[in-house]
Amino acid sequence: MNEQKNQPTEIDIANKIKDGYIAKPITKLDELKALDRKVKKPAKVFAYIFGVIGSLVLGVGMCFAMKVLGDIMAVGIVVGLLGILMVSINYPIYKQMLKKRKRKYCSKILELSQEIVGE
């Protein structure tokens, strides 16, 4: 028999699948990670969506300005500048949203952190 070394056996595979179905208790660290995601996720989602929209607005403005979509260069410049503005303010808005949410959940996160560390 030519079995490969480090090849998982049927028992190993079965145990790995079984572990995926066993309910695991939620620890303080799990709570802390979930709370951290809860703080950061809305700001990230907003930044991605707003950034994509700003980029698309900028692209449409460029198409108008270069006369790809029509012969309205002045409108293209205005739309392009609006897109540049949107993309430029995206990061400061993200940072402000994140700062506000961190302030809101700060006490709970610090409390959980101190319980985990044992201070």
C-alpha atoms as a PDB file:
ATOM      1  CA  MET A   1       0.000   0.000   0.000  1.00  0.00           C
ATOM      2  CA  ASN A   2       1.288   3.430  -0.964  1.00  0.00           C
ATOM      3  CA  GLU A   3      -0.342   5.686   1.618  1.00  0.00           C
ATOM      4  CA  GLN A   4       0.869   9.261   1.701  1.00  0.00           C
ATOM      5  CA  LYS A   5       2.189  10.637   4.990  1.00  0.00           C
ATOM      6  CA  ASN A   6       0.028  13.312   6.604  1.00  0.00           C
ATOM      7  CA  GLN A   7      -2.946  12.125   4.542  1.00  0.00           C
ATOM      8  CA  PRO A   8      -6.123  12.564   6.621  1.00  0.00           C
ATOM      9  CA  THR A   9      -7.920   9.344   7.390  1.00  0.00           C
ATOM     10  CA  GLU A  10     -11.663   8.800   7.262  1.00  0.00           C
ATOM     11  CA  ILE A  11     -11.786   9.132  11.050  1.00  0.00           C
ATOM     12  CA  ASP A  12     -10.008  12.504  10.933  1.00  0.00           C
ATOM     13  CA  ILE A  13     -12.402  13.776   8.274  1.00  0.00           C
ATOM     14  CA  ALA A  14     -15.433  12.503  10.192  1.00  0.00           C
ATOM     15  CA  ASN A  15     -14.213  14.154  13.418  1.00  0.00           C
ATOM     16  CA  LYS A  16     -13.631  17.446  11.618  1.00  0.00           C
ATOM     17  CA  ILE A  17     -17.161  17.423  10.177  1.00  0.00           C
ATOM     18  CA  LYS A  18     -18.607  16.429  13.561  1.00  0.00           C
ATOM     19  CA  ASP A  19     -16.813  19.366  15.252  1.00  0.00           C
ATOM     20  CA  GLY A  20     -18.609  21.753  12.911  1.00  0.00           C
ATOM     21  CA  TYR A  21     -21.971  20.642  14.302  1.00  0.00           C
ATOM     22  CA  ILE A  22     -21.195  20.657  18.009  1.00  0.00           C
ATOM     23  CA  ALA A  23     -22.554  23.735  19.807  1.00  0.00           C
ATOM     24  CA  LYS A  24     -19.716  25.628  21.417  1.00  0.00           C
ATOM     25  CA  PRO A  25     -20.223  27.915  24.406  1.00  0.00           C
ATOM     26  CA  ILE A  26     -19.884  31.635  23.755  1.00  0.00           C
ATOM     27  CA  THR A  27     -16.892  33.017  25.606  1.00  0.00           C
ATOM     28  CA  LYS A  28     -16.120  36.560  26.717  1.00  0.00           C
ATOM     29  CA  LEU A  29     -13.579  36.783  23.896  1.00  0.00           C
ATOM     30  CA  ASP A  30     -16.277  35.845  21.371  1.00  0.00           C
ATOM     31  CA  GLU A  31     -18.495  38.585  22.802  1.00  0.00           C
ATOM     32  CA  LEU A  32     -15.635  41.093  22.565  1.00  0.00           C
ATOM     33  CA  LYS A  33     -14.914  40.190  18.934  1.00  0.00           C
ATOM     34  CA  ALA A  34     -18.617  40.444  18.032  1.00  0.00           C
ATOM     35  CA  LEU A  35     -18.886  43.838  19.724  1.00  0.00           C
ATOM     36  CA  ASP A  36     -15.779  45.076  17.893  1.00  0.00           C
ATOM     37  CA  ARG A  37     -17.303  43.974  14.561  1.00  0.00           C
ATOM     38  CA  LYS A  38     -20.565  45.696  15.547  1.00  0.00           C
ATOM     39  CA  VAL A  39     -18.641  48.941  16.058  1.00  0.00           C
ATOM     40  CA  LYS A  40     -16.658  48.837  12.803  1.00  0.00           C
ATOM     41  CA  LYS A  41     -19.028  47.219  10.294  1.00  0.00           C
ATOM     42  CA  PRO A  42     -21.517  50.096   9.686  1.00  0.00           C
ATOM     43  CA  ALA A  43     -18.702  52.594   9.077  1.00  0.00           C
ATOM     44  CA  LYS A  44     -16.963  50.220   6.661  1.00  0.00           C
ATOM     45  CA  VAL A  45     -20.148  49.432   4.761  1.00  0.00           C
ATOM     46  CA  PHE A  46     -20.947  53.132   4.409  1.00  0.00           C
ATOM     47  CA  ALA A  47     -17.400  53.921   3.246  1.00  0.00           C
ATOM     48  CA  TYR A  48     -17.459  51.194   0.595  1.00  0.00           C
ATOM     49  CA  ILE A  49     -20.872  52.148  -0.761  1.00  0.00           C
ATOM     50  CA  PHE A  50     -20.237  55.894  -0.697  1.00  0.00           C
ATOM     51  CA  GLY A  51     -16.784  55.406  -2.275  1.00  0.00           C
ATOM     52  CA  VAL A  52     -18.162  53.298  -5.106  1.00  0.00           C
ATOM     53  CA  ILE A  53     -20.945  55.799  -5.790  1.00  0.00           C
ATOM     54  CA  GLY A  54     -18.449  58.667  -5.745  1.00  0.00           C
ATOM     55  CA  SER A  55     -16.171  56.815  -8.156  1.00  0.00           C
ATOM     56  CA  LEU A  56     -19.060  56.127 -10.514  1.00  0.00           C
ATOM     57  CA  VAL A  57     -20.130  59.785 -10.421  1.00  0.00           C
ATOM     58  CA  LEU A  58     -16.550  60.808 -11.184  1.00  0.00           C
ATOM     59  CA  GLY A  59     -16.410  58.317 -14.076  1.00  0.00           C
ATOM     60  CA  VAL A  60     -19.666  59.567 -15.573  1.00  0.00           C
ATOM     61  CA  GLY A  61     -18.397  63.124 -15.311  1.00  0.00           C
ATOM     62  CA  MET A  62     -15.209  62.147 -17.102  1.00  0.00           C
ATOM     63  CA  CYS A  63     -17.224  60.466 -19.862  1.00  0.00           C
ATOM     64  CA  PHE A  64     -19.285  63.617 -20.348  1.00  0.00           C
ATOM     65  CA  ALA A  65     -16.191  65.862 -20.230  1.00  0.00           C
ATOM     66  CA  MET A  66     -14.370  63.757 -22.818  1.00  0.00           C
ATOM     67  CA  LYS A  67     -17.487  63.692 -24.997  1.00  0.00           C
ATOM     68  CA  VAL A  68     -17.866  59.921 -24.806  1.00  0.00           C
ATOM     69  CA  LEU A  69     -21.503  60.007 -23.657  1.00  0.00           C
ATOM     70  CA  GLY A  70     -22.482  63.228 -25.302  1.00  0.00           C
ATOM     71  CA  ASP A  71     -21.342  66.695 -26.264  1.00  0.00           C
ATOM     72  CA  ILE A  72     -21.877  68.366 -22.866  1.00  0.00           C
ATOM     73  CA  MET A  73     -18.391  69.062 -21.563  1.00  0.00           C
ATOM     74  CA  ALA A  74     -19.439  71.712 -19.015  1.00  0.00           C
ATOM     75  CA  VAL A  75     -21.879  69.331 -17.325  1.00  0.00           C
ATOM     76  CA  GLY A  76     -19.177  66.661 -17.325  1.00  0.00           C
ATOM     77  CA  ILE A  77     -16.780  68.931 -15.486  1.00  0.00           C
ATOM     78  CA  VAL A  78     -19.382  69.753 -12.835  1.00  0.00           C
ATOM     79  CA  VAL A  79     -20.368  66.090 -12.390  1.00  0.00           C
ATOM     80  CA  GLY A  80     -16.690  65.086 -12.267  1.00  0.00           C
ATOM     81  CA  LEU A  81     -15.967  67.671  -9.598  1.00  0.00           C
ATOM     82  CA  LEU A  82     -18.909  66.380  -7.586  1.00  0.00           C
ATOM     83  CA  GLY A  83     -17.448  62.859  -7.840  1.00  0.00           C
ATOM     84  CA  ILE A  84     -14.038  64.126  -6.742  1.00  0.00           C
ATOM     85  CA  LEU A  85     -15.679  65.841  -3.761  1.00  0.00           C
ATOM     86  CA  MET A  86     -17.522  62.651  -2.789  1.00  0.00           C
ATOM     87  CA  VAL A  87     -14.385  60.530  -2.984  1.00  0.00           C
ATOM     88  CA  SER A  88     -12.371  63.153  -1.087  1.00  0.00           C
ATOM     89  CA  ILE A  89     -14.741  63.389   1.877  1.00  0.00           C
ATOM     90  CA  ASN A  90     -15.332  59.645   2.118  1.00  0.00           C
ATOM     91  CA  TYR A  91     -12.424  58.926   4.485  1.00  0.00           C
ATOM     92  CA  PRO A  92     -13.115  61.809   6.891  1.00  0.00           C
ATOM     93  CA  ILE A  93     -16.773  60.720   7.086  1.00  0.00           C
ATOM     94  CA  TYR A  94     -15.672  57.135   7.761  1.00  0.00           C
ATOM     95  CA  LYS A  95     -13.314  58.234  10.537  1.00  0.00           C
ATOM     96  CA  GLN A  96     -16.026  60.395  12.122  1.00  0.00           C
ATOM     97  CA  MET A  97     -18.574  57.557  12.037  1.00  0.00           C
ATOM     98  CA  LEU A  98     -16.059  55.138  13.527  1.00  0.00           C
ATOM     99  CA  LYS A  99     -15.119  57.616  16.263  1.00  0.00           C
ATOM    100  CA  LYS A 100     -18.778  58.153  17.175  1.00  0.00           C
ATOM    101  CA  ARG A 101     -19.480  54.409  17.344  1.00  0.00           C
ATOM    102  CA  LYS A 102     -16.330  53.770  19.392  1.00  0.00           C
ATOM    103  CA  ARG A 103     -17.477  56.405  21.875  1.00  0.00           C
ATOM    104  CA  LYS A 104     -20.897  54.736  22.064  1.00  0.00           C
ATOM    105  CA  TYR A 105     -19.553  51.225  22.799  1.00  0.00           C
ATOM    106  CA  CYS A 106     -16.345  52.178  24.622  1.00  0.00           C
ATOM    107  CA  SER A 107     -17.476  51.322  28.152  1.00  0.00           C
ATOM    108  CA  LYS A 108     -18.798  47.858  27.227  1.00  0.00           C
ATOM    109  CA  ILE A 109     -15.653  46.983  25.241  1.00  0.00           C
ATOM    110  CA  LEU A 110     -13.350  48.138  28.027  1.00  0.00           C
ATOM    111  CA  GLU A 111     -15.394  46.225  30.600  1.00  0.00           C
ATOM    112  CA  LEU A 112     -15.212  42.996  28.600  1.00  0.00           C
ATOM    113  CA  SER A 113     -11.497  43.507  27.908  1.00  0.00           C
ATOM    114  CA  GLN A 114     -10.752  43.979  31.585  1.00  0.00           C
ATOM    115  CA  GLU A 115     -12.714  40.817  32.469  1.00  0.00           C
ATOM    116  CA  ILE A 116     -10.685  38.826  29.936  1.00  0.00           C
ATOM    117  CA  VAL A 117      -7.317  40.240  30.967  1.00  0.00           C
ATOM    118  CA  GLY A 118      -8.209  39.993  34.642  1.00  0.00           C
ATOM    119  CA  GLU A 119      -7.323  43.498  35.763  1.00  0.00           C
END
